[in-house]
Amino acid sequence: YDNFVSGERYLKTPQRVHQFIENLPITDIPAKYVIFKPLADVDPNQETPRVIVFFADPDQLSAMVVLANYDRENNHNVIIPYAAGCQTIGIYPYREAQ
């Protein structure tokens, strides 16, 4: 916690860092490990993915945002939070899946 407050300096003040950390969707998980692997390697008879992550370049990302809203009644279908890479492929999608 202290390393974030006075170490990396991605946010303007230590108070903003505290606020950022308090707003992270930190979640206790009911397992010892989290496994990341290609979707093609998932055996649907033995496991169910909790989160599926797509890596994309900027053009692909903008296309996915458009498609996510194509047939929806509102504009709240996509989030792109300010966060570290591990947070954007881990804790944020895990919270969204629950």
PDB file of N, CA and C in Angstrom:
ATOM      1  N   TYR A   1       0.835  -1.195   0.000  1.00  0.00           N
ATOM      2  CA  TYR A   1       0.000   0.000   0.000  1.00  0.00           C
ATOM      3  C   TYR A   1       0.873   1.248   0.000  1.00  0.00           C
ATOM      4  N   ASP A   2       1.864   1.288   0.879  1.00  0.00           N
ATOM      5  CA  ASP A   2       2.743   2.464   0.961  1.00  0.00           C
ATOM      6  C   ASP A   2       3.549   2.666  -0.317  1.00  0.00           C
ATOM      7  N   ASN A   3       3.922   1.579  -0.994  1.00  0.00           N
ATOM      8  CA  ASN A   3       4.672   1.718  -2.244  1.00  0.00           C
ATOM      9  C   ASN A   3       3.868   2.462  -3.301  1.00  0.00           C
ATOM     10  N   PHE A   4       2.559   2.256  -3.308  1.00  0.00           N
ATOM     11  CA  PHE A   4       1.713   2.966  -4.263  1.00  0.00           C
ATOM     12  C   PHE A   4       1.600   4.445  -3.916  1.00  0.00           C
ATOM     13  N   VAL A   5       1.524   4.741  -2.629  1.00  0.00           N
ATOM     14  CA  VAL A   5       1.293   6.119  -2.189  1.00  0.00           C
ATOM     15  C   VAL A   5       2.467   7.023  -2.517  1.00  0.00           C
ATOM     16  N   SER A   6       3.679   6.564  -2.300  1.00  0.00           N
ATOM     17  CA  SER A   6       4.825   7.456  -2.505  1.00  0.00           C
ATOM     18  C   SER A   6       5.846   6.917  -3.497  1.00  0.00           C
ATOM     19  N   GLY A   7       5.529   5.849  -4.196  1.00  0.00           N
ATOM     20  CA  GLY A   7       6.516   5.244  -5.070  1.00  0.00           C
ATOM     21  C   GLY A   7       6.375   5.559  -6.545  1.00  0.00           C
ATOM     22  N   GLU A   8       5.301   5.134  -7.163  1.00  0.00           N
ATOM     23  CA  GLU A   8       5.196   5.198  -8.619  1.00  0.00           C
ATOM     24  C   GLU A   8       4.797   6.564  -9.153  1.00  0.00           C
ATOM     25  N   ARG A   9       4.034   7.307  -8.422  1.00  0.00           N
ATOM     26  CA  ARG A   9       3.640   8.675  -8.770  1.00  0.00           C
ATOM     27  C   ARG A   9       2.832   8.776 -10.069  1.00  0.00           C
ATOM     28  N   TYR A  10       1.912   7.849 -10.258  1.00  0.00           N
ATOM     29  CA  TYR A  10       1.017   7.921 -11.413  1.00  0.00           C
ATOM     30  C   TYR A  10      -0.138   8.880 -11.183  1.00  0.00           C
ATOM     31  N   LEU A  11      -0.376   9.212  -9.929  1.00  0.00           N
ATOM     32  CA  LEU A  11      -1.440  10.145  -9.585  1.00  0.00           C
ATOM     33  C   LEU A  11      -0.840  11.351  -8.874  1.00  0.00           C
ATOM     34  N   LYS A  12      -1.550  12.461  -8.925  1.00  0.00           N
ATOM     35  CA  LYS A  12      -1.012  13.756  -8.510  1.00  0.00           C
ATOM     36  C   LYS A  12      -0.630  13.827  -7.035  1.00  0.00           C
ATOM     37  N   THR A  13      -1.447  13.274  -6.166  1.00  0.00           N
ATOM     38  CA  THR A  13      -1.188  13.403  -4.725  1.00  0.00           C
ATOM     39  C   THR A  13      -1.350  12.051  -4.033  1.00  0.00           C
ATOM     40  N   PRO A  14      -0.755  11.894  -2.850  1.00  0.00           N
ATOM     41  CA  PRO A  14      -0.981  10.672  -2.071  1.00  0.00           C
ATOM     42  C   PRO A  14      -2.463  10.463  -1.740  1.00  0.00           C
ATOM     43  N   GLN A  15      -3.201  11.544  -1.556  1.00  0.00           N
ATOM     44  CA  GLN A  15      -4.633  11.420  -1.274  1.00  0.00           C
ATOM     45  C   GLN A  15      -5.374  10.784  -2.461  1.00  0.00           C
ATOM     46  N   ARG A  16      -4.991  11.181  -3.676  1.00  0.00           N
ATOM     47  CA  ARG A  16      -5.603  10.575  -4.869  1.00  0.00           C
ATOM     48  C   ARG A  16      -5.254   9.092  -4.961  1.00  0.00           C
ATOM     49  N   VAL A  17      -4.039   8.737  -4.560  1.00  0.00           N
ATOM     50  CA  VAL A  17      -3.640   7.328  -4.571  1.00  0.00           C
ATOM     51  C   VAL A  17      -4.499   6.541  -3.583  1.00  0.00           C
ATOM     52  N   HIS A  18      -4.679   7.071  -2.383  1.00  0.00           N
ATOM     53  CA  HIS A  18      -5.534   6.407  -1.392  1.00  0.00           C
ATOM     54  C   HIS A  18      -6.945   6.218  -1.944  1.00  0.00           C
ATOM     55  N   GLN A  19      -7.483   7.257  -2.567  1.00  0.00           N
ATOM     56  CA  GLN A  19      -8.826   7.192  -3.135  1.00  0.00           C
ATOM     57  C   GLN A  19      -8.890   6.139  -4.247  1.00  0.00           C
ATOM     58  N   PHE A  20      -7.871   6.112  -5.104  1.00  0.00           N
ATOM     59  CA  PHE A  20      -7.806   5.129  -6.184  1.00  0.00           C
ATOM     60  C   PHE A  20      -7.815   3.708  -5.618  1.00  0.00           C
ATOM     61  N   ILE A  21      -6.971   3.459  -4.625  1.00  0.00           N
ATOM     62  CA  ILE A  21      -6.868   2.123  -4.040  1.00  0.00           C
ATOM     63  C   ILE A  21      -8.172   1.723  -3.356  1.00  0.00           C
ATOM     64  N   GLU A  22      -8.792   2.657  -2.665  1.00  0.00           N
ATOM     65  CA  GLU A  22     -10.059   2.365  -1.988  1.00  0.00           C
ATOM     66  C   GLU A  22     -11.165   2.012  -2.977  1.00  0.00           C
ATOM     67  N   ASN A  23     -11.098   2.522  -4.186  1.00  0.00           N
ATOM     68  CA  ASN A  23     -12.126   2.267  -5.195  1.00  0.00           C
ATOM     69  C   ASN A  23     -11.850   1.041  -6.065  1.00  0.00           C
ATOM     70  N   LEU A  24     -10.703   0.407  -5.892  1.00  0.00           N
ATOM     71  CA  LEU A  24     -10.415  -0.807  -6.663  1.00  0.00           C
ATOM     72  C   LEU A  24     -11.352  -1.927  -6.224  1.00  0.00           C
ATOM     73  N   PRO A  25     -11.817  -2.743  -7.156  1.00  0.00           N
ATOM     74  CA  PRO A  25     -12.722  -3.837  -6.784  1.00  0.00           C
ATOM     75  C   PRO A  25     -11.960  -5.068  -6.282  1.00  0.00           C
ATOM     76  N   ILE A  26     -11.204  -4.885  -5.205  1.00  0.00           N
ATOM     77  CA  ILE A  26     -10.443  -5.993  -4.628  1.00  0.00           C
ATOM     78  C   ILE A  26     -11.439  -7.057  -4.163  1.00  0.00           C
ATOM     79  N   THR A  27     -11.171  -8.305  -4.512  1.00  0.00           N
ATOM     80  CA  THR A  27     -12.098  -9.391  -4.233  1.00  0.00           C
ATOM     81  C   THR A  27     -11.340 -10.588  -3.686  1.00  0.00           C
ATOM     82  N   ASP A  28     -11.867 -11.185  -2.632  1.00  0.00           N
ATOM     83  CA  ASP A  28     -11.328 -12.460  -2.166  1.00  0.00           C
ATOM     84  C   ASP A  28     -11.866 -13.544  -3.085  1.00  0.00           C
ATOM     85  N   ILE A  29     -10.983 -14.420  -3.519  1.00  0.00           N
ATOM     86  CA  ILE A  29     -11.413 -15.494  -4.415  1.00  0.00           C
ATOM     87  C   ILE A  29     -11.362 -16.822  -3.667  1.00  0.00           C
ATOM     88  N   PRO A  30     -12.241 -17.746  -4.027  1.00  0.00           N
ATOM     89  CA  PRO A  30     -12.329 -19.015  -3.296  1.00  0.00           C
ATOM     90  C   PRO A  30     -11.348 -20.075  -3.799  1.00  0.00           C
ATOM     91  N   ALA A  31     -10.198 -19.655  -4.287  1.00  0.00           N
ATOM     92  CA  ALA A  31      -9.223 -20.609  -4.811  1.00  0.00           C
ATOM     93  C   ALA A  31      -7.817 -20.149  -4.456  1.00  0.00           C
ATOM     94  N   LYS A  32      -6.893 -21.088  -4.490  1.00  0.00           N
ATOM     95  CA  LYS A  32      -5.510 -20.750  -4.174  1.00  0.00           C
ATOM     96  C   LYS A  32      -4.817 -20.074  -5.352  1.00  0.00           C
ATOM     97  N   TYR A  33      -5.192 -20.448  -6.577  1.00  0.00           N
ATOM     98  CA  TYR A  33      -4.535 -19.926  -7.770  1.00  0.00           C
ATOM     99  C   TYR A  33      -5.550 -19.380  -8.767  1.00  0.00           C
ATOM    100  N   VAL A  34      -5.099 -18.446  -9.578  1.00  0.00           N
ATOM    101  CA  VAL A  34      -5.855 -17.967 -10.728  1.00  0.00           C
ATOM    102  C   VAL A  34      -5.079 -18.417 -11.955  1.00  0.00           C
ATOM    103  N   ILE A  35      -5.758 -19.054 -12.882  1.00  0.00           N
ATOM    104  CA  ILE A  35      -5.089 -19.613 -14.054  1.00  0.00           C
ATOM    105  C   ILE A  35      -5.475 -18.817 -15.293  1.00  0.00           C
ATOM    106  N   PHE A  36      -4.469 -18.366 -16.014  1.00  0.00           N
ATOM    107  CA  PHE A  36      -4.656 -17.702 -17.305  1.00  0.00           C
ATOM    108  C   PHE A  36      -4.172 -18.659 -18.382  1.00  0.00           C
ATOM    109  N   LYS A  37      -5.021 -18.917 -19.375  1.00  0.00           N
ATOM    110  CA  LYS A  37      -4.603 -19.777 -20.479  1.00  0.00           C
ATOM    111  C   LYS A  37      -5.459 -19.480 -21.697  1.00  0.00           C
ATOM    112  N   PRO A  38      -4.986 -19.883 -22.878  1.00  0.00           N
ATOM    113  CA  PRO A  38      -5.767 -19.650 -24.092  1.00  0.00           C
ATOM    114  C   PRO A  38      -7.130 -20.346 -24.003  1.00  0.00           C
ATOM    115  N   LEU A  39      -8.135 -19.710 -24.544  1.00  0.00           N
ATOM    116  CA  LEU A  39      -9.485 -20.267 -24.517  1.00  0.00           C
ATOM    117  C   LEU A  39      -9.534 -21.637 -25.195  1.00  0.00           C
ATOM    118  N   ALA A  40      -8.723 -21.827 -26.216  1.00  0.00           N
ATOM    119  CA  ALA A  40      -8.686 -23.114 -26.915  1.00  0.00           C
ATOM    120  C   ALA A  40      -8.218 -24.250 -26.005  1.00  0.00           C
ATOM    121  N   ASP A  41      -7.505 -23.927 -24.927  1.00  0.00           N
ATOM    122  CA  ASP A  41      -7.006 -24.943 -24.000  1.00  0.00           C
ATOM    123  C   ASP A  41      -7.977 -25.250 -22.864  1.00  0.00           C
ATOM    124  N   VAL A  42      -9.121 -24.596 -22.834  1.00  0.00           N
ATOM    125  CA  VAL A  42     -10.108 -24.839 -21.781  1.00  0.00           C
ATOM    126  C   VAL A  42     -10.916 -26.084 -22.132  1.00  0.00           C
ATOM    127  N   ASP A  43     -11.009 -27.007 -21.192  1.00  0.00           N
ATOM    128  CA  ASP A  43     -11.828 -28.208 -21.370  1.00  0.00           C
ATOM    129  C   ASP A  43     -13.200 -27.932 -20.754  1.00  0.00           C
ATOM    130  N   PRO A  44     -14.232 -27.724 -21.580  1.00  0.00           N
ATOM    131  CA  PRO A  44     -15.547 -27.368 -21.041  1.00  0.00           C
ATOM    132  C   PRO A  44     -16.173 -28.452 -20.168  1.00  0.00           C
ATOM    133  N   ASN A  45     -15.658 -29.674 -20.237  1.00  0.00           N
ATOM    134  CA  ASN A  45     -16.165 -30.750 -19.382  1.00  0.00           C
ATOM    135  C   ASN A  45     -15.578 -30.698 -17.979  1.00  0.00           C
ATOM    136  N   GLN A  46     -14.490 -29.949 -17.812  1.00  0.00           N
ATOM    137  CA  GLN A  46     -13.818 -29.917 -16.517  1.00  0.00           C
ATOM    138  C   GLN A  46     -13.751 -28.539 -15.884  1.00  0.00           C
ATOM    139  N   GLU A  47     -13.965 -27.484 -16.664  1.00  0.00           N
ATOM    140  CA  GLU A  47     -13.797 -26.137 -16.117  1.00  0.00           C
ATOM    141  C   GLU A  47     -14.678 -25.137 -16.849  1.00  0.00           C
ATOM    142  N   THR A  48     -15.007 -24.078 -16.150  1.00  0.00           N
ATOM    143  CA  THR A  48     -15.801 -22.995 -16.721  1.00  0.00           C
ATOM    144  C   THR A  48     -15.037 -21.695 -16.526  1.00  0.00           C
ATOM    145  N   PRO A  49     -14.686 -21.013 -17.604  1.00  0.00           N
ATOM    146  CA  PRO A  49     -13.967 -19.740 -17.440  1.00  0.00           C
ATOM    147  C   PRO A  49     -14.828 -18.719 -16.701  1.00  0.00           C
ATOM    148  N   ARG A  50     -14.215 -17.982 -15.813  1.00  0.00           N
ATOM    149  CA  ARG A  50     -14.903 -16.895 -15.107  1.00  0.00           C
ATOM    150  C   ARG A  50     -14.808 -15.600 -15.910  1.00  0.00           C
ATOM    151  N   VAL A  51     -13.689 -15.431 -16.618  1.00  0.00           N
ATOM    152  CA  VAL A  51     -13.429 -14.215 -17.385  1.00  0.00           C
ATOM    153  C   VAL A  51     -12.739 -14.614 -18.681  1.00  0.00           C
ATOM    154  N   ILE A  52     -13.098 -13.950 -19.768  1.00  0.00           N
ATOM    155  CA  ILE A  52     -12.401 -14.128 -21.042  1.00  0.00           C
ATOM    156  C   ILE A  52     -11.863 -12.763 -21.445  1.00  0.00           C
ATOM    157  N   VAL A  53     -10.570 -12.696 -21.709  1.00  0.00           N
ATOM    158  CA  VAL A  53      -9.897 -11.439 -22.030  1.00  0.00           C
ATOM    159  C   VAL A  53      -9.478 -11.465 -23.496  1.00  0.00           C
ATOM    160  N   PHE A  54      -9.800 -10.389 -24.214  1.00  0.00           N
ATOM    161  CA  PHE A  54      -9.364 -10.235 -25.596  1.00  0.00           C
ATOM    162  C   PHE A  54      -8.295  -9.152 -25.643  1.00  0.00           C
ATOM    163  N   PHE A  55      -7.139  -9.473 -26.168  1.00  0.00           N
ATOM    164  CA  PHE A  55      -6.107  -8.468 -26.378  1.00  0.00           C
ATOM    165  C   PHE A  55      -6.363  -7.832 -27.734  1.00  0.00           C
ATOM    166  N   ALA A  56      -6.209  -6.510 -27.811  1.00  0.00           N
ATOM    167  CA  ALA A  56      -6.568  -5.815 -29.049  1.00  0.00           C
ATOM    168  C   ALA A  56      -5.684  -4.599 -29.267  1.00  0.00           C
ATOM    169  N   ASP A  57      -5.487  -4.275 -30.534  1.00  0.00           N
ATOM    170  CA  ASP A  57      -4.821  -3.011 -30.852  1.00  0.00           C
ATOM    171  C   ASP A  57      -5.898  -1.912 -30.842  1.00  0.00           C
ATOM    172  N   PRO A  58      -5.526  -0.640 -30.973  1.00  0.00           N
ATOM    173  CA  PRO A  58      -6.525   0.443 -30.879  1.00  0.00           C
ATOM    174  C   PRO A  58      -7.684   0.321 -31.870  1.00  0.00           C
ATOM    175  N   ASP A  59      -7.413  -0.083 -33.104  1.00  0.00           N
ATOM    176  CA  ASP A  59      -8.498  -0.233 -34.079  1.00  0.00           C
ATOM    177  C   ASP A  59      -9.462  -1.350 -33.676  1.00  0.00           C
ATOM    178  N   GLN A  60      -8.918  -2.459 -33.235  1.00  0.00           N
ATOM    179  CA  GLN A  60      -9.763  -3.572 -32.809  1.00  0.00           C
ATOM    180  C   GLN A  60     -10.573  -3.196 -31.570  1.00  0.00           C
ATOM    181  N   LEU A  61      -9.939  -2.477 -30.647  1.00  0.00           N
ATOM    182  CA  LEU A  61     -10.629  -2.057 -29.424  1.00  0.00           C
ATOM    183  C   LEU A  61     -11.808  -1.142 -29.743  1.00  0.00           C
ATOM    184  N   SER A  62     -11.595  -0.170 -30.617  1.00  0.00           N
ATOM    185  CA  SER A  62     -12.695   0.735 -30.962  1.00  0.00           C
ATOM    186  C   SER A  62     -13.817  -0.026 -31.666  1.00  0.00           C
ATOM    187  N   ALA A  63     -13.487  -1.010 -32.486  1.00  0.00           N
ATOM    188  CA  ALA A  63     -14.518  -1.815 -33.147  1.00  0.00           C
ATOM    189  C   ALA A  63     -15.305  -2.638 -32.128  1.00  0.00           C
ATOM    190  N   MET A  64     -14.624  -3.200 -31.125  1.00  0.00           N
ATOM    191  CA  MET A  64     -15.331  -3.975 -30.101  1.00  0.00           C
ATOM    192  C   MET A  64     -16.253  -3.091 -29.267  1.00  0.00           C
ATOM    193  N   VAL A  65     -15.834  -1.859 -28.997  1.00  0.00           N
ATOM    194  CA  VAL A  65     -16.688  -0.927 -28.260  1.00  0.00           C
ATOM    195  C   VAL A  65     -17.954  -0.636 -29.058  1.00  0.00           C
ATOM    196  N   VAL A  66     -17.798  -0.391 -30.354  1.00  0.00           N
ATOM    197  CA  VAL A  66     -18.968  -0.144 -31.206  1.00  0.00           C
ATOM    198  C   VAL A  66     -19.882  -1.371 -31.214  1.00  0.00           C
ATOM    199  N   LEU A  67     -19.321  -2.552 -31.407  1.00  0.00           N
ATOM    200  CA  LEU A  67     -20.141  -3.764 -31.464  1.00  0.00           C
ATOM    201  C   LEU A  67     -20.826  -4.068 -30.136  1.00  0.00           C
ATOM    202  N   ALA A  68     -20.179  -3.749 -29.022  1.00  0.00           N
ATOM    203  CA  ALA A  68     -20.787  -3.985 -27.710  1.00  0.00           C
ATOM    204  C   ALA A  68     -22.031  -3.140 -27.508  1.00  0.00           C
ATOM    205  N   ASN A  69     -22.144  -2.042 -28.219  1.00  0.00           N
ATOM    206  CA  ASN A  69     -23.291  -1.146 -28.084  1.00  0.00           C
ATOM    207  C   ASN A  69     -24.269  -1.245 -29.253  1.00  0.00           C
ATOM    208  N   TYR A  70     -23.991  -2.079 -30.226  1.00  0.00           N
ATOM    209  CA  TYR A  70     -24.772  -2.136 -31.465  1.00  0.00           C
ATOM    210  C   TYR A  70     -26.258  -2.408 -31.218  1.00  0.00           C
ATOM    211  N   ASP A  71     -26.569  -3.370 -30.378  1.00  0.00           N
ATOM    212  CA  ASP A  71     -27.969  -3.763 -30.183  1.00  0.00           C
ATOM    213  C   ASP A  71     -28.402  -3.597 -28.722  1.00  0.00           C
ATOM    214  N   ARG A  72     -27.864  -2.603 -28.067  1.00  0.00           N
ATOM    215  CA  ARG A  72     -28.199  -2.368 -26.662  1.00  0.00           C
ATOM    216  C   ARG A  72     -28.990  -1.085 -26.528  1.00  0.00           C
ATOM    217  N   GLU A  73     -29.806  -1.020 -25.499  1.00  0.00           N
ATOM    218  CA  GLU A  73     -30.672   0.139 -25.309  1.00  0.00           C
ATOM    219  C   GLU A  73     -29.993   1.308 -24.608  1.00  0.00           C
ATOM    220  N   ASN A  74     -28.799   1.071 -24.029  1.00  0.00           N
ATOM    221  CA  ASN A  74     -28.113   2.175 -23.353  1.00  0.00           C
ATOM    222  C   ASN A  74     -26.636   2.179 -23.731  1.00  0.00           C
ATOM    223  N   ASN A  75     -25.906   3.123 -23.198  1.00  0.00           N
ATOM    224  CA  ASN A  75     -24.479   3.264 -23.522  1.00  0.00           C
ATOM    225  C   ASN A  75     -23.568   2.786 -22.401  1.00  0.00           C
ATOM    226  N   HIS A  76     -24.063   1.972 -21.493  1.00  0.00           N
ATOM    227  CA  HIS A  76     -23.278   1.548 -20.335  1.00  0.00           C
ATOM    228  C   HIS A  76     -22.825   0.094 -20.472  1.00  0.00           C
ATOM    229  N   ASN A  77     -22.308  -0.249 -21.620  1.00  0.00           N
ATOM    230  CA  ASN A  77     -21.951  -1.633 -21.900  1.00  0.00           C
ATOM    231  C   ASN A  77     -20.450  -1.892 -21.922  1.00  0.00           C
ATOM    232  N   VAL A  78     -19.654  -0.850 -21.867  1.00  0.00           N
ATOM    233  CA  VAL A  78     -18.205  -0.979 -21.954  1.00  0.00           C
ATOM    234  C   VAL A  78     -17.571  -0.079 -20.905  1.00  0.00           C
ATOM    235  N   ILE A  79     -16.579  -0.613 -20.189  1.00  0.00           N
ATOM    236  CA  ILE A  79     -15.792   0.235 -19.298  1.00  0.00           C
ATOM    237  C   ILE A  79     -14.329   0.115 -19.693  1.00  0.00           C
ATOM    238  N   ILE A  80     -13.632   1.198 -19.605  1.00  0.00           N
ATOM    239  CA  ILE A  80     -12.186   1.200 -19.811  1.00  0.00           C
ATOM    240  C   ILE A  80     -11.604   1.975 -18.631  1.00  0.00           C
ATOM    241  N   PRO A  81     -11.395   1.279 -17.506  1.00  0.00           N
ATOM    242  CA  PRO A  81     -10.955   1.973 -16.299  1.00  0.00           C
ATOM    243  C   PRO A  81      -9.478   2.357 -16.358  1.00  0.00           C
ATOM    244  N   TYR A  82      -9.147   3.408 -15.627  1.00  0.00           N
ATOM    245  CA  TYR A  82      -7.743   3.744 -15.424  1.00  0.00           C
ATOM    246  C   TYR A  82      -7.208   2.719 -14.442  1.00  0.00           C
ATOM    247  N   ALA A  83      -6.293   1.885 -14.882  1.00  0.00           N
ATOM    248  CA  ALA A  83      -5.768   0.841 -14.012  1.00  0.00           C
ATOM    249  C   ALA A  83      -4.537   0.224 -14.654  1.00  0.00           C
ATOM    250  N   ALA A  84      -3.797  -0.505 -13.845  1.00  0.00           N
ATOM    251  CA  ALA A  84      -2.651  -1.258 -14.349  1.00  0.00           C
ATOM    252  C   ALA A  84      -3.152  -2.405 -15.220  1.00  0.00           C
ATOM    253  N   GLY A  85      -2.285  -2.931 -16.050  1.00  0.00           N
ATOM    254  CA  GLY A  85      -2.669  -4.034 -16.923  1.00  0.00           C
ATOM    255  C   GLY A  85      -3.219  -5.224 -16.161  1.00  0.00           C
ATOM    256  N   CYS A  86      -2.578  -5.577 -15.045  1.00  0.00           N
ATOM    257  CA  CYS A  86      -3.053  -6.728 -14.275  1.00  0.00           C
ATOM    258  C   CYS A  86      -4.438  -6.470 -13.687  1.00  0.00           C
ATOM    259  N   GLN A  87      -4.737  -5.212 -13.393  1.00  0.00           N
ATOM    260  CA  GLN A  87      -6.063  -4.884 -12.864  1.00  0.00           C
ATOM    261  C   GLN A  87      -7.117  -4.936 -13.970  1.00  0.00           C
ATOM    262  N   THR A  88      -6.758  -4.505 -15.179  1.00  0.00           N
ATOM    263  CA  THR A  88      -7.743  -4.483 -16.267  1.00  0.00           C
ATOM    264  C   THR A  88      -8.028  -5.864 -16.841  1.00  0.00           C
ATOM    265  N   ILE A  89      -7.127  -6.832 -16.653  1.00  0.00           N
ATOM    266  CA  ILE A  89      -7.425  -8.197 -17.101  1.00  0.00           C
ATOM    267  C   ILE A  89      -7.756  -9.112 -15.932  1.00  0.00           C
ATOM    268  N   GLY A  90      -7.731  -8.586 -14.725  1.00  0.00           N
ATOM    269  CA  GLY A  90      -7.973  -9.409 -13.543  1.00  0.00           C
ATOM    270  C   GLY A  90      -9.152  -8.951 -12.716  1.00  0.00           C
ATOM    271  N   ILE A  91      -8.913  -7.996 -11.821  1.00  0.00           N
ATOM    272  CA  ILE A  91      -9.953  -7.675 -10.840  1.00  0.00           C
ATOM    273  C   ILE A  91     -11.171  -6.971 -11.428  1.00  0.00           C
ATOM    274  N   TYR A  92     -10.981  -6.125 -12.435  1.00  0.00           N
ATOM    275  CA  TYR A  92     -12.152  -5.455 -13.026  1.00  0.00           C
ATOM    276  C   TYR A  92     -13.060  -6.436 -13.772  1.00  0.00           C
ATOM    277  N   PRO A  93     -12.546  -7.272 -14.675  1.00  0.00           N
ATOM    278  CA  PRO A  93     -13.446  -8.221 -15.340  1.00  0.00           C
ATOM    279  C   PRO A  93     -14.044  -9.250 -14.377  1.00  0.00           C
ATOM    280  N   TYR A  94     -13.282  -9.635 -13.354  1.00  0.00           N
ATOM    281  CA  TYR A  94     -13.814 -10.595 -12.382  1.00  0.00           C
ATOM    282  C   TYR A  94     -15.017  -9.997 -11.661  1.00  0.00           C
ATOM    283  N   ARG A  95     -14.925  -8.728 -11.288  1.00  0.00           N
ATOM    284  CA  ARG A  95     -16.060  -8.062 -10.638  1.00  0.00           C
ATOM    285  C   ARG A  95     -17.245  -7.975 -11.602  1.00  0.00           C
ATOM    286  N   GLU A  96     -16.980  -7.637 -12.862  1.00  0.00           N
ATOM    287  CA  GLU A  96     -18.059  -7.532 -13.843  1.00  0.00           C
ATOM    288  C   GLU A  96     -18.752  -8.878 -14.054  1.00  0.00           C
ATOM    289  N   ALA A  97     -18.008  -9.967 -13.934  1.00  0.00           N
ATOM    290  CA  ALA A  97     -18.584 -11.293 -14.156  1.00  0.00           C
ATOM    291  C   ALA A  97     -19.497 -11.733 -13.020  1.00  0.00           C
ATOM    292  N   GLN A  98     -19.361 -11.116 -11.866  1.00  0.00           N
ATOM    293  CA  GLN A  98     -20.165 -11.545 -10.712  1.00  0.00           C
ATOM    294  C   GLN A  98     -21.516 -10.938 -10.678  1.00  0.00           C
TER     295      GLN A  98
END
